[in-house]
Amino acid sequence: MIDAGAAKPLSDEEVAILKEAFDAYDTDKGGGLCETTYSAFRAD
């Protein structure tokens, strides 16, 4: 199990890297069954 208390906020650079990777993976840009975006994983 992951200890959520041990998680650290992502830096803007880390978010940009993950967004780029997600966008490359999400070829239909939110269409289809999964409409999750990278922002759903960021707790601002």
PDB file of N, CA and C in Angstrom:
ATOM      1  N   MET A   1       0.842  -1.173   0.000  1.00  0.00           N
ATOM      2  CA  MET A   1       0.000   0.000   0.000  1.00  0.00           C
ATOM      3  C   MET A   1       0.892   1.243   0.000  1.00  0.00           C
ATOM      4  N   ILE A   2       0.485   2.262  -0.716  1.00  0.00           N
ATOM      5  CA  ILE A   2       1.248   3.506  -0.800  1.00  0.00           C
ATOM      6  C   ILE A   2       0.867   4.411   0.363  1.00  0.00           C
ATOM      7  N   ASP A   3       1.884   4.951   1.035  1.00  0.00           N
ATOM      8  CA  ASP A   3       1.657   5.888   2.131  1.00  0.00           C
ATOM      9  C   ASP A   3       1.483   7.281   1.546  1.00  0.00           C
ATOM     10  N   ALA A   4       0.260   7.774   1.493  1.00  0.00           N
ATOM     11  CA  ALA A   4      -0.014   9.084   0.896  1.00  0.00           C
ATOM     12  C   ALA A   4       0.683  10.198   1.653  1.00  0.00           C
ATOM     13  N   GLY A   5       0.981   9.989   2.916  1.00  0.00           N
ATOM     14  CA  GLY A   5       1.678  10.992   3.695  1.00  0.00           C
ATOM     15  C   GLY A   5       3.116  11.182   3.248  1.00  0.00           C
ATOM     16  N   ALA A   6       3.669  10.201   2.546  1.00  0.00           N
ATOM     17  CA  ALA A   6       5.057  10.279   2.092  1.00  0.00           C
ATOM     18  C   ALA A   6       5.168  10.931   0.715  1.00  0.00           C
ATOM     19  N   ALA A   7       4.054  11.200   0.076  1.00  0.00           N
ATOM     20  CA  ALA A   7       4.080  11.781  -1.274  1.00  0.00           C
ATOM     21  C   ALA A   7       4.467  13.253  -1.211  1.00  0.00           C
ATOM     22  N   LYS A   8       5.189  13.691  -2.230  1.00  0.00           N
ATOM     23  CA  LYS A   8       5.556  15.103  -2.305  1.00  0.00           C
ATOM     24  C   LYS A   8       4.857  15.721  -3.505  1.00  0.00           C
ATOM     25  N   PRO A   9       4.565  17.002  -3.442  1.00  0.00           N
ATOM     26  CA  PRO A   9       3.953  17.670  -4.597  1.00  0.00           C
ATOM     27  C   PRO A   9       4.900  17.625  -5.796  1.00  0.00           C
ATOM     28  N   LEU A  10       4.342  17.528  -6.984  1.00  0.00           N
ATOM     29  CA  LEU A  10       5.157  17.531  -8.195  1.00  0.00           C
ATOM     30  C   LEU A  10       5.566  18.954  -8.551  1.00  0.00           C
ATOM     31  N   SER A  11       6.775  19.063  -9.067  1.00  0.00           N
ATOM     32  CA  SER A  11       7.233  20.370  -9.547  1.00  0.00           C
ATOM     33  C   SER A  11       6.584  20.648 -10.900  1.00  0.00           C
ATOM     34  N   ASP A  12       6.637  21.889 -11.332  1.00  0.00           N
ATOM     35  CA  ASP A  12       6.092  22.239 -12.649  1.00  0.00           C
ATOM     36  C   ASP A  12       6.800  21.453 -13.746  1.00  0.00           C
ATOM     37  N   GLU A  13       8.106  21.231 -13.592  1.00  0.00           N
ATOM     38  CA  GLU A  13       8.862  20.464 -14.587  1.00  0.00           C
ATOM     39  C   GLU A  13       8.387  19.015 -14.624  1.00  0.00           C
ATOM     40  N   GLU A  14       8.167  18.411 -13.457  1.00  0.00           N
ATOM     41  CA  GLU A  14       7.675  17.035 -13.408  1.00  0.00           C
ATOM     42  C   GLU A  14       6.284  16.932 -14.028  1.00  0.00           C
ATOM     43  N   VAL A  15       5.426  17.895 -13.751  1.00  0.00           N
ATOM     44  CA  VAL A  15       4.075  17.902 -14.330  1.00  0.00           C
ATOM     45  C   VAL A  15       4.161  18.002 -15.848  1.00  0.00           C
ATOM     46  N   ALA A  16       5.046  18.862 -16.358  1.00  0.00           N
ATOM     47  CA  ALA A  16       5.199  19.024 -17.809  1.00  0.00           C
ATOM     48  C   ALA A  16       5.657  17.722 -18.455  1.00  0.00           C
ATOM     49  N   ILE A  17       6.586  17.023 -17.807  1.00  0.00           N
ATOM     50  CA  ILE A  17       7.079  15.746 -18.336  1.00  0.00           C
ATOM     51  C   ILE A  17       5.953  14.720 -18.366  1.00  0.00           C
ATOM     52  N   LEU A  18       5.194  14.635 -17.279  1.00  0.00           N
ATOM     53  CA  LEU A  18       4.084  13.681 -17.233  1.00  0.00           C
ATOM     54  C   LEU A  18       2.996  14.033 -18.238  1.00  0.00           C
ATOM     55  N   LYS A  19       2.710  15.331 -18.396  1.00  0.00           N
ATOM     56  CA  LYS A  19       1.703  15.761 -19.364  1.00  0.00           C
ATOM     57  C   LYS A  19       2.122  15.372 -20.771  1.00  0.00           C
ATOM     58  N   GLU A  20       3.389  15.598 -21.098  1.00  0.00           N
ATOM     59  CA  GLU A  20       3.885  15.245 -22.429  1.00  0.00           C
ATOM     60  C   GLU A  20       3.762  13.745 -22.670  1.00  0.00           C
ATOM     61  N   ALA A  21       4.131  12.946 -21.678  1.00  0.00           N
ATOM     62  CA  ALA A  21       4.029  11.492 -21.810  1.00  0.00           C
ATOM     63  C   ALA A  21       2.571  11.059 -21.920  1.00  0.00           C
ATOM     64  N   PHE A  22       1.693  11.650 -21.120  1.00  0.00           N
ATOM     65  CA  PHE A  22       0.281  11.294 -21.163  1.00  0.00           C
ATOM     66  C   PHE A  22      -0.332  11.672 -22.501  1.00  0.00           C
ATOM     67  N   ASP A  23      -0.017  12.875 -22.985  1.00  0.00           N
ATOM     68  CA  ASP A  23      -0.560  13.316 -24.270  1.00  0.00           C
ATOM     69  C   ASP A  23      -0.097  12.410 -25.406  1.00  0.00           C
ATOM     70  N   ALA A  24       1.139  11.923 -25.341  1.00  0.00           N
ATOM     71  CA  ALA A  24       1.638  11.000 -26.357  1.00  0.00           C
ATOM     72  C   ALA A  24       0.884   9.672 -26.287  1.00  0.00           C
ATOM     73  N   TYR A  25       0.528   9.249 -25.077  1.00  0.00           N
ATOM     74  CA  TYR A  25      -0.205   8.002 -24.876  1.00  0.00           C
ATOM     75  C   TYR A  25      -1.677   8.157 -25.248  1.00  0.00           C
ATOM     76  N   ASP A  26      -2.271   9.297 -24.924  1.00  0.00           N
ATOM     77  CA  ASP A  26      -3.702   9.546 -25.133  1.00  0.00           C
ATOM     78  C   ASP A  26      -3.935  10.050 -26.557  1.00  0.00           C
ATOM     79  N   THR A  27      -3.806   9.152 -27.512  1.00  0.00           N
ATOM     80  CA  THR A  27      -3.858   9.556 -28.918  1.00  0.00           C
ATOM     81  C   THR A  27      -5.216  10.085 -29.351  1.00  0.00           C
ATOM     82  N   ASP A  28      -6.295   9.698 -28.668  1.00  0.00           N
ATOM     83  CA  ASP A  28      -7.610  10.213 -29.055  1.00  0.00           C
ATOM     84  C   ASP A  28      -7.998  11.445 -28.235  1.00  0.00           C
ATOM     85  N   LYS A  29      -7.081  11.969 -27.440  1.00  0.00           N
ATOM     86  CA  LYS A  29      -7.251  13.215 -26.674  1.00  0.00           C
ATOM     87  C   LYS A  29      -8.541  13.261 -25.864  1.00  0.00           C
ATOM     88  N   GLY A  30      -8.738  12.236 -25.055  1.00  0.00           N
ATOM     89  CA  GLY A  30      -9.869  12.245 -24.131  1.00  0.00           C
ATOM     90  C   GLY A  30     -11.115  11.557 -24.645  1.00  0.00           C
ATOM     91  N   GLY A  31     -11.140  11.181 -25.884  1.00  0.00           N
ATOM     92  CA  GLY A  31     -12.290  10.457 -26.408  1.00  0.00           C
ATOM     93  C   GLY A  31     -12.259   9.013 -25.937  1.00  0.00           C
ATOM     94  N   GLY A  32     -13.295   8.300 -26.180  1.00  0.00           N
ATOM     95  CA  GLY A  32     -13.308   6.897 -25.812  1.00  0.00           C
ATOM     96  C   GLY A  32     -13.699   6.681 -24.357  1.00  0.00           C
ATOM     97  N   LEU A  33     -13.225   5.583 -23.789  1.00  0.00           N
ATOM     98  CA  LEU A  33     -13.660   5.182 -22.460  1.00  0.00           C
ATOM     99  C   LEU A  33     -13.023   5.985 -21.333  1.00  0.00           C
ATOM    100  N   CYS A  34     -11.807   6.425 -21.518  1.00  0.00           N
ATOM    101  CA  CYS A  34     -11.097   7.117 -20.442  1.00  0.00           C
ATOM    102  C   CYS A  34     -10.978   8.600 -20.759  1.00  0.00           C
ATOM    103  N   GLU A  35     -11.633   9.422 -19.960  1.00  0.00           N
ATOM    104  CA  GLU A  35     -11.580  10.864 -20.195  1.00  0.00           C
ATOM    105  C   GLU A  35     -10.772  11.571 -19.112  1.00  0.00           C
ATOM    106  N   THR A  36      -9.824  10.849 -18.526  1.00  0.00           N
ATOM    107  CA  THR A  36      -8.979  11.409 -17.478  1.00  0.00           C
ATOM    108  C   THR A  36      -7.880  12.247 -18.104  1.00  0.00           C
ATOM    109  N   THR A  37      -7.553  13.354 -17.484  1.00  0.00           N
ATOM    110  CA  THR A  37      -6.438  14.173 -17.939  1.00  0.00           C
ATOM    111  C   THR A  37      -5.374  14.188 -16.864  1.00  0.00           C
ATOM    112  N   TYR A  38      -4.205  14.636 -17.230  1.00  0.00           N
ATOM    113  CA  TYR A  38      -3.119  14.681 -16.255  1.00  0.00           C
ATOM    114  C   TYR A  38      -3.479  15.559 -15.066  1.00  0.00           C
ATOM    115  N   SER A  39      -4.316  16.566 -15.269  1.00  0.00           N
ATOM    116  CA  SER A  39      -4.651  17.478 -14.170  1.00  0.00           C
ATOM    117  C   SER A  39      -5.435  16.774 -13.066  1.00  0.00           C
ATOM    118  N   ALA A  40      -6.068  15.664 -13.378  1.00  0.00           N
ATOM    119  CA  ALA A  40      -6.799  14.925 -12.359  1.00  0.00           C
ATOM    120  C   ALA A  40      -5.859  14.339 -11.320  1.00  0.00           C
ATOM    121  N   PHE A  41      -4.585  14.210 -11.678  1.00  0.00           N
ATOM    122  CA  PHE A  41      -3.613  13.619 -10.773  1.00  0.00           C
ATOM    123  C   PHE A  41      -2.834  14.666  -9.996  1.00  0.00           C
ATOM    124  N   ARG A  42      -3.060  15.916 -10.264  1.00  0.00           N
ATOM    125  CA  ARG A  42      -2.312  16.981  -9.598  1.00  0.00           C
ATOM    126  C   ARG A  42      -3.190  17.620  -8.529  1.00  0.00           C
ATOM    127  N   ALA A  43      -2.679  17.648  -7.318  1.00  0.00           N
ATOM    128  CA  ALA A  43      -3.421  18.250  -6.207  1.00  0.00           C
ATOM    129  C   ALA A  43      -2.864  19.635  -5.938  1.00  0.00           C
ATOM    130  N   ASP A  44      -3.494  20.633  -6.513  1.00  0.00           N
ATOM    131  CA  ASP A  44      -3.044  22.016  -6.300  1.00  0.00           C
ATOM    132  C   ASP A  44      -3.622  22.572  -5.025  1.00  0.00           C
TER     133      ASP A  44
END
